[in-house]
Structures are given as C-alpha cells and as structure tokens.
Amino acid sequence: MLHTRVVGDLEKRLPVTLEKMVEYVESNRKEIITPIFIVLNYVENVPYVDVCVGIDPYDE
C-alpha cells in the first residue's frame, strides 16, 4: 500500500500528488492493483486528504 497525505490548497496539490504517486509506481516498476482511494478528512475544521493505492509488492 502506498499512502500520502495532502494538506493546504487541495485543489492544486491533489493532482500533483496523484501524478507523483503514479510516477513513483512506474519508476519502481510496480503495478497498481487497487483503485486509488481519496478520503477527505477534517481536524478542527481544517481539511486534508489521504490518498492510498495498493501496489504489487513483488518485483517483475
């Protein structure tokens, strides 16, 4: 499972984060095996997004 958290300007940072996650998977020769989960959360009325995706843990 690959996970990251996006805080701040979610509209600008979320697309960049998704691109970086896909780039990481491709550059490490892994395969995405689940949908990308995007979960919006709040702490003290401050939003953040958790982004998770399952990757194949085995090398090619």
C-alpha atoms as a PDB file:
ATOM      1  CA  MET A   1       0.000   0.000   0.000  1.00  0.00           C
ATOM      2  CA  LEU A   2       1.273   3.407  -0.959  1.00  0.00           C
ATOM      3  CA  HIS A   3      -0.071   6.290   1.136  1.00  0.00           C
ATOM      4  CA  THR A   4       0.348  10.034   1.297  1.00  0.00           C
ATOM      5  CA  ARG A   5      -1.483  12.981   2.805  1.00  0.00           C
ATOM      6  CA  VAL A   6      -2.343  16.267   1.111  1.00  0.00           C
ATOM      7  CA  VAL A   7      -2.783  19.429   3.182  1.00  0.00           C
ATOM      8  CA  GLY A   8      -3.158  23.060   2.254  1.00  0.00           C
ATOM      9  CA  ASP A   9      -4.540  24.006  -1.156  1.00  0.00           C
ATOM     10  CA  LEU A  10      -6.201  20.698  -2.005  1.00  0.00           C
ATOM     11  CA  GLU A  11      -7.335  21.758  -5.488  1.00  0.00           C
ATOM     12  CA  LYS A  12      -3.756  22.459  -6.579  1.00  0.00           C
ATOM     13  CA  ARG A  13      -1.907  19.823  -4.568  1.00  0.00           C
ATOM     14  CA  LEU A  14      -4.119  16.773  -5.134  1.00  0.00           C
ATOM     15  CA  PRO A  15      -3.469  16.468  -8.910  1.00  0.00           C
ATOM     16  CA  VAL A  16       0.276  16.928  -8.340  1.00  0.00           C
ATOM     17  CA  THR A  17       0.224  14.270  -5.625  1.00  0.00           C
ATOM     18  CA  LEU A  18      -1.584  11.794  -7.874  1.00  0.00           C
ATOM     19  CA  GLU A  19       0.963  12.378 -10.641  1.00  0.00           C
ATOM     20  CA  LYS A  20       3.838  11.825  -8.207  1.00  0.00           C
ATOM     21  CA  MET A  21       2.311   8.594  -6.917  1.00  0.00           C
ATOM     22  CA  VAL A  22       1.886   7.205 -10.434  1.00  0.00           C
ATOM     23  CA  GLU A  23       5.417   8.322 -11.319  1.00  0.00           C
ATOM     24  CA  TYR A  24       6.764   6.542  -8.218  1.00  0.00           C
ATOM     25  CA  VAL A  25       4.969   3.318  -9.133  1.00  0.00           C
ATOM     26  CA  GLU A  26       6.208   3.433 -12.727  1.00  0.00           C
ATOM     27  CA  SER A  27       9.801   4.339 -11.845  1.00  0.00           C
ATOM     28  CA  ASN A  28       9.964   1.476  -9.335  1.00  0.00           C
ATOM     29  CA  ARG A  29       8.479  -0.977 -11.853  1.00  0.00           C
ATOM     30  CA  LYS A  30       5.480  -1.807  -9.703  1.00  0.00           C
ATOM     31  CA  GLU A  31       1.869  -2.331 -10.684  1.00  0.00           C
ATOM     32  CA  ILE A  32      -1.205  -0.619  -9.233  1.00  0.00           C
ATOM     33  CA  ILE A  33      -3.588  -3.385  -8.144  1.00  0.00           C
ATOM     34  CA  THR A  34      -6.387  -1.390  -6.476  1.00  0.00           C
ATOM     35  CA  PRO A  35      -8.330   1.753  -7.237  1.00  0.00           C
ATOM     36  CA  ILE A  36      -6.839   4.974  -5.903  1.00  0.00           C
ATOM     37  CA  PHE A  37      -8.659   5.840  -2.683  1.00  0.00           C
ATOM     38  CA  ILE A  38      -9.083   9.536  -1.923  1.00  0.00           C
ATOM     39  CA  VAL A  39     -10.507  10.219   1.546  1.00  0.00           C
ATOM     40  CA  LEU A  40     -11.384  13.726   2.690  1.00  0.00           C
ATOM     41  CA  ASN A  41     -10.972  14.288   6.440  1.00  0.00           C
ATOM     42  CA  TYR A  42     -11.142  17.236   8.814  1.00  0.00           C
ATOM     43  CA  VAL A  43      -9.295  18.035  12.030  1.00  0.00           C
ATOM     44  CA  GLU A  44     -10.562  21.112  13.835  1.00  0.00           C
ATOM     45  CA  ASN A  45     -12.339  22.228  10.624  1.00  0.00           C
ATOM     46  CA  VAL A  46      -9.094  22.023   8.608  1.00  0.00           C
ATOM     47  CA  PRO A  47      -9.455  19.691   5.619  1.00  0.00           C
ATOM     48  CA  TYR A  48      -6.850  17.219   4.439  1.00  0.00           C
ATOM     49  CA  VAL A  49      -6.926  14.299   2.027  1.00  0.00           C
ATOM     50  CA  ASP A  50      -5.479  10.832   2.499  1.00  0.00           C
ATOM     51  CA  VAL A  51      -4.541   9.154  -0.778  1.00  0.00           C
ATOM     52  CA  CYS A  52      -3.920   5.395  -0.833  1.00  0.00           C
ATOM     53  CA  VAL A  53      -3.314   2.868  -3.580  1.00  0.00           C
ATOM     54  CA  GLY A  54      -2.440  -0.804  -3.479  1.00  0.00           C
ATOM     55  CA  ILE A  55       0.665  -1.835  -5.365  1.00  0.00           C
ATOM     56  CA  ASP A  56       2.037  -5.240  -6.247  1.00  0.00           C
ATOM     57  CA  PRO A  57       4.798  -5.827  -3.675  1.00  0.00           C
ATOM     58  CA  TYR A  58       6.737  -8.226  -5.884  1.00  0.00           C
ATOM     59  CA  ASP A  59       9.427  -7.308  -8.373  1.00  0.00           C
ATOM     60  CA  GLU A  60       8.954  -8.058 -12.054  1.00  0.00           C
END
